[in-house]
Amino acid sequence: MAAADPADNPCTRCGACCAGFRVDFDADELQSNGGCVPDGLALPLTGRLWRLRGTDHARPRCTALQGTIGEAVRCGIHEWRPSPCREFGARAPFGQGDPACAQARRRHGLPPLPM
């Protein structure tokens, strides 16, 4: 699969996944434990499990999400985001959705990407 042209990346106009799901990850991903996720953006759940701030609400919205969903968005910690964010919707930047992406988009009144 060829690299996506950033201008054509539907994720930069969407952001629904960042405001649609809880984001839980292992403590090893925290900067204080040698990972890349800033500690200040994480909340402890258990000894090993942490959650991104803002995604712990009934209507989640990651605190690192900047912009307006469906118009123009960006991740304030894109280079340092946890594995669930890195793995979510891997084909979306290429204009191809999946069921979870479609669910998040639907919650925000956006049409699904082609699958």
C-alpha atoms as a PDB file:
ATOM      1  CA  MET A   1       0.000   0.000   0.000  1.00  0.00           C
ATOM      2  CA  ALA A   2       1.481   3.357  -1.046  1.00  0.00           C
ATOM      3  CA  ALA A   3       1.880   6.130   1.495  1.00  0.00           C
ATOM      4  CA  ALA A   4      -1.184   8.320   1.841  1.00  0.00           C
ATOM      5  CA  ASP A   5      -1.004  11.913   0.635  1.00  0.00           C
ATOM      6  CA  PRO A   6      -1.568  13.981   3.807  1.00  0.00           C
ATOM      7  CA  ALA A   7      -3.888  16.294   1.848  1.00  0.00           C
ATOM      8  CA  ASP A   8      -6.125  13.321   1.002  1.00  0.00           C
ATOM      9  CA  ASN A   9      -6.073  11.783   4.486  1.00  0.00           C
ATOM     10  CA  PRO A  10      -9.698  11.721   5.734  1.00  0.00           C
ATOM     11  CA  CYS A  11      -8.444  11.368   9.322  1.00  0.00           C
ATOM     12  CA  THR A  12      -7.310  15.010   9.321  1.00  0.00           C
ATOM     13  CA  ARG A  13     -10.935  16.033   8.761  1.00  0.00           C
ATOM     14  CA  CYS A  14     -12.539  13.432  11.039  1.00  0.00           C
ATOM     15  CA  GLY A  15     -11.315  12.782  14.598  1.00  0.00           C
ATOM     16  CA  ALA A  16     -14.368  10.670  15.452  1.00  0.00           C
ATOM     17  CA  CYS A  17     -12.274   7.788  16.791  1.00  0.00           C
ATOM     18  CA  CYS A  18     -10.572  10.165  19.254  1.00  0.00           C
ATOM     19  CA  ALA A  19     -13.988  11.194  20.540  1.00  0.00           C
ATOM     20  CA  GLY A  20     -15.698   7.834  20.419  1.00  0.00           C
ATOM     21  CA  PHE A  21     -13.815   5.240  22.444  1.00  0.00           C
ATOM     22  CA  ARG A  22     -11.940   4.685  25.686  1.00  0.00           C
ATOM     23  CA  VAL A  23      -8.200   4.333  25.153  1.00  0.00           C
ATOM     24  CA  ASP A  24      -6.570   1.903  27.584  1.00  0.00           C
ATOM     25  CA  PHE A  25      -2.923   0.883  27.402  1.00  0.00           C
ATOM     26  CA  ASP A  26      -0.159  -0.821  29.367  1.00  0.00           C
ATOM     27  CA  ALA A  27       1.948   1.097  31.898  1.00  0.00           C
ATOM     28  CA  ASP A  28       5.089   0.301  29.875  1.00  0.00           C
ATOM     29  CA  GLU A  29       3.895   2.823  27.274  1.00  0.00           C
ATOM     30  CA  LEU A  30       4.230   5.734  29.744  1.00  0.00           C
ATOM     31  CA  GLN A  31       7.277   7.982  29.368  1.00  0.00           C
ATOM     32  CA  SER A  32       8.183   7.391  33.014  1.00  0.00           C
ATOM     33  CA  ASN A  33       8.483   3.674  32.234  1.00  0.00           C
ATOM     34  CA  GLY A  34      10.522   4.099  29.047  1.00  0.00           C
ATOM     35  CA  GLY A  35       7.560   4.437  26.668  1.00  0.00           C
ATOM     36  CA  CYS A  36       6.408   7.452  24.700  1.00  0.00           C
ATOM     37  CA  VAL A  37       2.990   8.451  26.133  1.00  0.00           C
ATOM     38  CA  PRO A  38       3.222  11.606  28.283  1.00  0.00           C
ATOM     39  CA  ASP A  39       2.367  10.673  31.884  1.00  0.00           C
ATOM     40  CA  GLY A  40       0.298  13.834  32.339  1.00  0.00           C
ATOM     41  CA  LEU A  41      -2.215  12.623  29.750  1.00  0.00           C
ATOM     42  CA  ALA A  42      -2.831   9.282  31.451  1.00  0.00           C
ATOM     43  CA  LEU A  43      -5.005   8.122  34.330  1.00  0.00           C
ATOM     44  CA  PRO A  44      -4.274   4.944  36.323  1.00  0.00           C
ATOM     45  CA  LEU A  45      -6.900   2.193  36.201  1.00  0.00           C
ATOM     46  CA  THR A  46      -5.048  -0.760  37.735  1.00  0.00           C
ATOM     47  CA  GLY A  47      -1.415  -1.493  38.476  1.00  0.00           C
ATOM     48  CA  ARG A  48      -0.642  -2.052  34.785  1.00  0.00           C
ATOM     49  CA  LEU A  49      -3.568  -0.485  32.933  1.00  0.00           C
ATOM     50  CA  TRP A  50      -3.797   3.239  32.149  1.00  0.00           C
ATOM     51  CA  ARG A  51      -6.306   5.351  30.186  1.00  0.00           C
ATOM     52  CA  LEU A  52      -5.844   8.498  28.110  1.00  0.00           C
ATOM     53  CA  ARG A  53      -7.388  11.549  29.768  1.00  0.00           C
ATOM     54  CA  GLY A  54     -10.718  12.554  28.334  1.00  0.00           C
ATOM     55  CA  THR A  55     -11.576   9.061  27.137  1.00  0.00           C
ATOM     56  CA  ASP A  56     -12.868   8.079  30.578  1.00  0.00           C
ATOM     57  CA  HIS A  57     -16.238   9.861  30.143  1.00  0.00           C
ATOM     58  CA  ALA A  58     -19.622   8.660  28.874  1.00  0.00           C
ATOM     59  CA  ARG A  59     -18.999  10.924  25.852  1.00  0.00           C
ATOM     60  CA  PRO A  60     -15.251  10.468  25.421  1.00  0.00           C
ATOM     61  CA  ARG A  61     -12.957  12.982  23.772  1.00  0.00           C
ATOM     62  CA  CYS A  62      -9.222  12.565  24.142  1.00  0.00           C
ATOM     63  CA  THR A  63      -7.624  15.651  25.660  1.00  0.00           C
ATOM     64  CA  ALA A  64      -4.912  15.470  22.986  1.00  0.00           C
ATOM     65  CA  LEU A  65      -7.475  15.917  20.183  1.00  0.00           C
ATOM     66  CA  GLN A  66      -7.345  19.434  18.753  1.00  0.00           C
ATOM     67  CA  GLY A  67      -9.875  20.939  16.363  1.00  0.00           C
ATOM     68  CA  THR A  68     -13.462  20.308  15.313  1.00  0.00           C
ATOM     69  CA  ILE A  69     -14.664  16.778  14.552  1.00  0.00           C
ATOM     70  CA  GLY A  70     -15.684  16.387  10.934  1.00  0.00           C
ATOM     71  CA  GLU A  71     -13.908  19.581   9.864  1.00  0.00           C
ATOM     72  CA  ALA A  72     -10.228  19.787  10.793  1.00  0.00           C
ATOM     73  CA  VAL A  73      -8.478  17.895  13.598  1.00  0.00           C
ATOM     74  CA  ARG A  74      -5.045  16.842  14.729  1.00  0.00           C
ATOM     75  CA  CYS A  75      -3.573  14.788  17.531  1.00  0.00           C
ATOM     76  CA  GLY A  76      -1.449  16.833  19.890  1.00  0.00           C
ATOM     77  CA  ILE A  77       0.593  13.734  20.787  1.00  0.00           C
ATOM     78  CA  HIS A  78       0.571  11.942  17.416  1.00  0.00           C
ATOM     79  CA  GLU A  79       4.255  10.963  17.689  1.00  0.00           C
ATOM     80  CA  TRP A  80       3.743   9.801  21.290  1.00  0.00           C
ATOM     81  CA  ARG A  81       0.265   8.226  21.101  1.00  0.00           C
ATOM     82  CA  PRO A  82      -0.321   4.801  22.709  1.00  0.00           C
ATOM     83  CA  SER A  83      -0.611   1.525  20.810  1.00  0.00           C
ATOM     84  CA  PRO A  84      -4.453   1.444  20.632  1.00  0.00           C
ATOM     85  CA  CYS A  85      -4.339   4.762  18.754  1.00  0.00           C
ATOM     86  CA  ARG A  86      -1.518   3.559  16.493  1.00  0.00           C
ATOM     87  CA  GLU A  87      -3.418   0.384  15.642  1.00  0.00           C
ATOM     88  CA  PHE A  88      -6.904   1.864  15.211  1.00  0.00           C
ATOM     89  CA  GLY A  89      -8.144   2.333  11.647  1.00  0.00           C
ATOM     90  CA  ALA A  90      -4.823   1.558  10.000  1.00  0.00           C
ATOM     91  CA  ARG A  91      -6.386   1.857   6.529  1.00  0.00           C
ATOM     92  CA  ALA A  92      -8.335   5.069   7.215  1.00  0.00           C
ATOM     93  CA  PRO A  93      -5.496   7.385   6.073  1.00  0.00           C
ATOM     94  CA  PHE A  94      -5.832   5.639   2.699  1.00  0.00           C
ATOM     95  CA  GLY A  95      -9.593   6.269   2.575  1.00  0.00           C
ATOM     96  CA  GLN A  96     -10.616   2.749   3.644  1.00  0.00           C
ATOM     97  CA  GLY A  97     -12.734   2.277   6.748  1.00  0.00           C
ATOM     98  CA  ASP A  98     -13.516  -0.647   9.015  1.00  0.00           C
ATOM     99  CA  PRO A  99     -16.470  -1.394  11.337  1.00  0.00           C
ATOM    100  CA  ALA A 100     -15.015   0.474  14.350  1.00  0.00           C
ATOM    101  CA  CYS A 101     -14.168   3.519  12.226  1.00  0.00           C
ATOM    102  CA  ALA A 102     -17.694   3.475  10.758  1.00  0.00           C
ATOM    103  CA  GLN A 103     -19.196   3.246  14.265  1.00  0.00           C
ATOM    104  CA  ALA A 104     -17.202   6.251  15.492  1.00  0.00           C
ATOM    105  CA  ARG A 105     -18.055   8.295  12.410  1.00  0.00           C
ATOM    106  CA  ARG A 106     -21.753   7.412  12.709  1.00  0.00           C
ATOM    107  CA  ARG A 107     -21.798   8.663  16.342  1.00  0.00           C
ATOM    108  CA  HIS A 108     -20.742  12.061  15.040  1.00  0.00           C
ATOM    109  CA  GLY A 109     -23.074  12.151  12.049  1.00  0.00           C
ATOM    110  CA  LEU A 110     -20.345  11.411   9.508  1.00  0.00           C
ATOM    111  CA  PRO A 111     -20.728   8.895   6.671  1.00  0.00           C
ATOM    112  CA  PRO A 112     -18.565   5.761   6.828  1.00  0.00           C
ATOM    113  CA  LEU A 113     -15.461   5.472   4.690  1.00  0.00           C
ATOM    114  CA  PRO A 114     -15.648   2.820   1.938  1.00  0.00           C
ATOM    115  CA  MET A 115     -14.537  -0.611   3.154  1.00  0.00           C
END
